[in-house]
């Protein structure tokens, strides 16, 4: 399972915030459009979402 820290290290990922400085936790990661520009990149992130990865760590 991929941890939140590992996912944050991927290009285009960031920690989600609900308002400035209010971290939403390790399971919420917005991904920039350029990081999912092709089918392979998008499929990679969809696989992460479906696996339930991205929790604490």
C-alpha atoms as a PDB file:
ATOM      1  CA  UNK A   1       0.000   0.000   0.000  1.00  0.00           C
ATOM      2  CA  UNK A   2       1.278   3.441  -0.874  1.00  0.00           C
ATOM      3  CA  UNK A   3       1.441   5.928   1.987  1.00  0.00           C
ATOM      4  CA  UNK A   4       0.338   9.538   1.924  1.00  0.00           C
ATOM      5  CA  UNK A   5       3.956  10.686   2.128  1.00  0.00           C
ATOM      6  CA  UNK A   6       4.895   8.612  -0.908  1.00  0.00           C
ATOM      7  CA  UNK A   7       1.973  10.033  -2.881  1.00  0.00           C
ATOM      8  CA  UNK A   8       2.849  13.598  -1.892  1.00  0.00           C
ATOM      9  CA  UNK A   9       6.297  13.003  -3.398  1.00  0.00           C
ATOM     10  CA  UNK A  10       4.741  12.289  -6.801  1.00  0.00           C
ATOM     11  CA  UNK A  11       4.793  15.127  -9.342  1.00  0.00           C
ATOM     12  CA  UNK A  12       1.663  17.263  -9.231  1.00  0.00           C
ATOM     13  CA  UNK A  13       0.382  16.072  -5.834  1.00  0.00           C
ATOM     14  CA  UNK A  14      -0.187  18.396  -2.903  1.00  0.00           C
ATOM     15  CA  UNK A  15      -1.741  18.230   0.536  1.00  0.00           C
ATOM     16  CA  UNK A  16      -5.377  19.296   0.356  1.00  0.00           C
ATOM     17  CA  UNK A  17      -6.486  22.228   2.473  1.00  0.00           C
ATOM     18  CA  UNK A  18      -9.949  23.319   3.491  1.00  0.00           C
ATOM     19  CA  UNK A  19      -9.108  26.971   3.739  1.00  0.00           C
ATOM     20  CA  UNK A  20      -5.644  28.361   4.192  1.00  0.00           C
ATOM     21  CA  UNK A  21      -3.587  26.256   6.572  1.00  0.00           C
ATOM     22  CA  UNK A  22      -6.359  23.747   7.371  1.00  0.00           C
ATOM     23  CA  UNK A  23      -4.950  20.384   6.292  1.00  0.00           C
ATOM     24  CA  UNK A  24      -7.642  17.882   5.284  1.00  0.00           C
ATOM     25  CA  UNK A  25      -5.516  14.863   6.229  1.00  0.00           C
ATOM     26  CA  UNK A  26      -3.435  12.277   4.414  1.00  0.00           C
ATOM     27  CA  UNK A  27      -6.259  10.777   2.355  1.00  0.00           C
ATOM     28  CA  UNK A  28      -7.001  13.995   0.437  1.00  0.00           C
ATOM     29  CA  UNK A  29      -4.645  14.926  -2.392  1.00  0.00           C
ATOM     30  CA  UNK A  30      -5.444  17.288  -5.221  1.00  0.00           C
ATOM     31  CA  UNK A  31      -3.415  16.487  -8.322  1.00  0.00           C
ATOM     32  CA  UNK A  32      -2.470  19.137 -10.885  1.00  0.00           C
ATOM     33  CA  UNK A  33      -3.881  18.751 -14.366  1.00  0.00           C
ATOM     34  CA  UNK A  34      -0.429  18.413 -15.949  1.00  0.00           C
ATOM     35  CA  UNK A  35       0.261  15.394 -13.709  1.00  0.00           C
ATOM     36  CA  UNK A  36      -2.655  13.483 -15.274  1.00  0.00           C
ATOM     37  CA  UNK A  37      -2.234  14.763 -18.834  1.00  0.00           C
ATOM     38  CA  UNK A  38      -2.083  11.364 -20.497  1.00  0.00           C
ATOM     39  CA  UNK A  39      -3.986   8.109 -20.050  1.00  0.00           C
ATOM     40  CA  UNK A  40      -1.133   6.341 -18.244  1.00  0.00           C
ATOM     41  CA  UNK A  41      -0.747   9.117 -15.672  1.00  0.00           C
ATOM     42  CA  UNK A  42      -4.498   9.294 -15.074  1.00  0.00           C
ATOM     43  CA  UNK A  43      -4.759   5.498 -14.787  1.00  0.00           C
ATOM     44  CA  UNK A  44      -2.000   5.516 -12.184  1.00  0.00           C
ATOM     45  CA  UNK A  45      -3.894   7.962  -9.955  1.00  0.00           C
ATOM     46  CA  UNK A  46      -7.195   6.143 -10.473  1.00  0.00           C
ATOM     47  CA  UNK A  47      -5.507   2.920  -9.353  1.00  0.00           C
ATOM     48  CA  UNK A  48      -4.327   4.685  -6.182  1.00  0.00           C
ATOM     49  CA  UNK A  49      -7.871   5.917  -5.471  1.00  0.00           C
ATOM     50  CA  UNK A  50      -9.425   2.500  -6.028  1.00  0.00           C
ATOM     51  CA  UNK A  51      -6.845   0.750  -3.846  1.00  0.00           C
ATOM     52  CA  UNK A  52      -7.606   2.896  -0.834  1.00  0.00           C
ATOM     53  CA  UNK A  53      -3.972   3.975  -0.593  1.00  0.00           C
ATOM     54  CA  UNK A  54      -2.861   7.301   0.723  1.00  0.00           C
ATOM     55  CA  UNK A  55      -3.624   6.938   4.374  1.00  0.00           C
ATOM     56  CA  UNK A  56      -1.312   7.927   7.209  1.00  0.00           C
ATOM     57  CA  UNK A  57       2.346   7.445   6.793  1.00  0.00           C
END
